[in-house]
Amino acid sequence: MAANDTKKITLPSSVVSTIIGKVKDTSTIATLSPSTPQKFADTTYLVFNPTAEAEVVAEGGKKSGKVYLAAIAPDMELTVITLDEAPGILPCFDESDAYLSVLDTSLLLSYNPAQVLKFAGKQYLTGAVILLRANMDGNFISLTIDEIYRFQKYLESHSVTLMVDNQKLTCICID
């Protein structure tokens, strides 16, 4: 028995207009972006790609959506990650209270206190860090593209390369 195929279903224009405002791609950028999909031509059918998923949430219910954070490490460029991936990058993530406020905002850096280097009266983060945001209840919530951009600017002004035993060590100055 063949599975139902939803390719090339003809929908009235009014239905397409309603659906298109509610469809989101599953990519990280699309999830973090406030943009919504739009029609570029008056077509009689639409193909949604990648596979669309729907979640039914009762009134007042909680969505199970993913939470997006950002991570950077000496061996990793600034990367958008999910909350589930954070402990694989920073093993002590959410186990210690080592958080640093960024730019007088609600953004926080989670880091391993054992990876702080004190040198010449300043402190430098030498390991992986996770950029996150929390709501008033203390729950982690997704970062926005704007917040990741602000963090990039923060890194530009706080990243320092130190020489240790003729080895370059890229750090984040936290003083």
Protein backbone atom coordinates (compact mmCIF):
# COMPACT_ATOMS: atom_id res chain seq x y z
CA MET A 1 0.00 0.00 0.00
CA ALA A 2 1.44 3.38 -1.00
CA ALA A 3 1.73 6.19 1.50
CA ASN A 4 -0.31 9.32 0.99
CA ASP A 5 1.52 11.83 -1.17
CA THR A 6 0.88 15.52 -0.54
CA LYS A 7 2.91 16.79 -3.48
CA LYS A 8 1.19 19.29 -5.75
CA ILE A 9 -2.01 19.64 -3.75
CA THR A 10 -4.04 22.47 -5.21
CA LEU A 11 -5.03 24.99 -2.57
CA PRO A 12 -7.07 28.17 -2.91
CA SER A 13 -4.98 31.33 -2.81
CA SER A 14 -6.56 32.41 0.48
CA VAL A 15 -5.49 29.14 2.14
CA VAL A 16 -1.96 29.41 0.73
CA SER A 17 -1.68 32.96 2.07
CA THR A 18 -2.74 31.80 5.54
CA ILE A 19 -0.40 28.79 5.57
CA ILE A 20 2.63 30.63 4.20
CA GLY A 21 2.58 32.99 7.18
CA LYS A 22 2.77 30.05 9.57
CA VAL A 23 5.41 27.89 7.88
CA LYS A 24 9.01 27.98 9.13
CA ASP A 25 12.02 26.12 7.77
CA THR A 26 13.78 23.82 10.23
CA SER A 27 17.19 25.47 9.74
CA THR A 28 18.84 27.29 12.62
CA ILE A 29 18.93 30.62 10.79
CA ALA A 30 15.23 30.42 9.94
CA THR A 31 14.37 29.55 13.53
CA LEU A 32 16.32 32.53 14.89
CA SER A 33 15.17 34.93 12.19
CA PRO A 34 12.01 36.99 12.63
CA SER A 35 11.34 36.69 8.87
CA THR A 36 8.42 34.67 7.54
CA PRO A 37 8.18 32.80 4.21
CA GLN A 38 6.40 34.53 1.36
CA LYS A 39 4.98 33.74 -2.08
CA PHE A 40 6.89 34.96 -5.11
CA ALA A 41 4.38 33.97 -7.77
CA ASP A 42 0.72 33.16 -8.06
CA THR A 43 1.04 29.38 -8.07
CA THR A 44 -1.63 26.72 -7.83
CA TYR A 45 0.43 24.45 -5.61
CA LEU A 46 3.22 24.68 -3.04
CA VAL A 47 5.82 22.12 -2.05
CA PHE A 48 7.00 22.53 1.51
CA ASN A 49 10.60 21.47 1.96
CA PRO A 50 12.10 20.24 4.29
CA THR A 51 9.37 18.04 5.68
CA ALA A 52 6.87 20.10 7.60
CA GLU A 53 6.13 19.24 11.20
CA ALA A 54 3.17 20.32 13.24
CA GLU A 55 2.85 20.42 16.99
CA VAL A 56 -0.53 20.56 18.66
CA VAL A 57 -0.40 22.56 21.88
CA ALA A 58 -3.37 22.95 24.19
CA GLU A 59 -4.39 26.47 25.17
CA GLY A 60 -1.94 27.59 27.84
CA GLY A 61 0.27 24.58 27.01
CA LYS A 62 4.01 24.76 26.58
CA LYS A 63 5.75 24.24 23.24
CA SER A 64 8.56 21.72 23.14
CA GLY A 65 10.63 23.87 20.77
CA LYS A 66 14.40 23.80 20.72
CA VAL A 67 16.44 26.43 22.52
CA TYR A 68 19.29 27.92 20.50
CA LEU A 69 22.51 29.15 22.12
CA ALA A 70 25.93 30.05 20.75
CA ALA A 71 29.30 28.50 21.52
CA ILE A 72 32.92 29.34 20.85
CA ALA A 73 36.11 27.53 21.82
CA PRO A 74 39.80 27.73 20.93
CA ASP A 75 39.29 24.98 18.33
CA MET A 76 35.79 26.08 17.19
CA GLU A 77 34.42 29.17 15.48
CA LEU A 78 31.35 30.93 16.85
CA THR A 79 28.58 28.42 16.24
CA VAL A 80 24.83 28.31 16.88
CA ILE A 81 24.01 25.20 18.91
CA THR A 82 20.99 23.70 20.64
CA LEU A 83 20.66 23.46 24.40
CA ASP A 84 21.11 19.68 24.11
CA GLU A 85 24.53 20.15 22.46
CA ALA A 86 25.94 22.50 25.11
CA PRO A 87 27.25 19.84 27.57
CA GLY A 88 29.21 18.21 24.73
CA ILE A 89 31.09 21.47 24.20
CA LEU A 90 31.30 22.63 27.81
CA PRO A 91 31.00 19.55 30.08
CA CYS A 92 30.25 21.61 33.21
CA PHE A 93 27.45 23.54 31.45
CA ASP A 94 24.50 24.16 33.78
CA GLU A 95 26.30 22.38 36.63
CA SER A 96 28.24 25.34 38.00
CA ASP A 97 27.23 28.92 38.65
CA ALA A 98 30.08 30.27 36.50
CA TYR A 99 28.24 32.89 34.47
CA LEU A 100 29.45 36.25 33.28
CA SER A 101 27.11 39.04 32.19
CA VAL A 102 27.86 40.36 28.70
CA LEU A 103 27.58 44.04 27.78
CA ASP A 104 25.13 44.93 30.56
CA THR A 105 22.44 42.81 28.91
CA SER A 106 20.51 39.67 29.79
CA LEU A 107 23.15 37.70 27.86
CA LEU A 108 25.35 35.39 29.91
CA LEU A 109 28.57 33.50 29.23
CA SER A 110 28.78 30.08 30.81
CA TYR A 111 32.36 28.91 31.30
CA ASN A 112 34.54 26.51 33.26
CA PRO A 113 36.18 28.41 36.17
CA ALA A 114 39.18 26.06 35.94
CA GLN A 115 39.88 27.50 32.48
CA VAL A 116 40.42 31.09 33.65
CA LEU A 117 43.99 32.30 33.31
CA LYS A 118 45.14 35.13 35.59
CA PHE A 119 47.97 37.04 33.98
CA ALA A 120 49.34 40.56 34.50
CA GLY A 121 46.42 41.54 36.72
CA LYS A 122 43.75 40.46 34.22
CA GLN A 123 41.58 37.36 33.78
CA TYR A 124 41.26 35.47 30.50
CA LEU A 125 38.87 32.70 29.48
CA THR A 126 40.94 30.03 27.75
CA GLY A 127 38.35 27.31 27.08
CA ALA A 128 34.93 26.87 25.56
CA VAL A 129 32.16 29.30 26.43
CA ILE A 130 28.42 29.11 25.84
CA LEU A 131 26.44 32.30 25.19
CA LEU A 132 22.91 32.09 26.54
CA ARG A 133 19.92 34.09 27.66
CA ALA A 134 17.51 33.33 30.48
CA ASN A 135 14.03 34.61 31.19
CA MET A 136 12.78 35.95 34.52
CA ASP A 137 12.04 32.39 35.70
CA GLY A 138 15.65 31.35 35.08
CA ASN A 139 14.78 29.17 32.07
CA PHE A 140 17.08 29.29 29.05
CA ILE A 141 15.53 30.89 25.96
CA SER A 142 16.75 31.09 22.37
CA LEU A 143 19.15 33.79 21.28
CA THR A 144 18.21 36.12 18.46
CA ILE A 145 20.38 36.92 15.45
CA ASP A 146 20.85 40.43 16.87
CA GLU A 147 22.18 39.03 20.15
CA ILE A 148 24.64 36.77 18.33
CA TYR A 149 25.81 39.77 16.31
CA ARG A 150 26.32 41.79 19.51
CA PHE A 151 28.35 38.89 20.91
CA GLN A 152 30.51 38.88 17.78
CA LYS A 153 31.23 42.56 18.38
CA TYR A 154 32.03 41.77 22.04
CA LEU A 155 34.48 39.09 20.91
CA GLU A 156 36.16 41.50 18.49
CA SER A 157 36.94 43.89 21.33
CA HIS A 158 37.76 41.29 24.03
CA SER A 159 39.66 38.57 22.16
CA VAL A 160 43.38 38.57 22.90
CA THR A 161 46.20 36.34 21.72
CA LEU A 162 48.72 35.59 24.45
CA MET A 163 52.11 33.97 23.90
CA VAL A 164 52.83 31.11 26.33
CA ASP A 165 56.03 29.11 25.79
CA ASN A 166 56.17 30.27 22.16
CA GLN A 167 52.58 29.04 21.67
CA LYS A 168 49.72 31.32 20.68
CA LEU A 169 46.74 31.13 23.05
CA THR A 170 43.56 32.88 21.95
CA CYS A 171 41.55 34.04 24.98
CA ILE A 172 38.64 36.27 25.94
CA CYS A 173 39.62 39.02 28.35
CA ILE A 174 36.92 39.31 31.04
CA ASP A 175 38.31 42.32 32.91
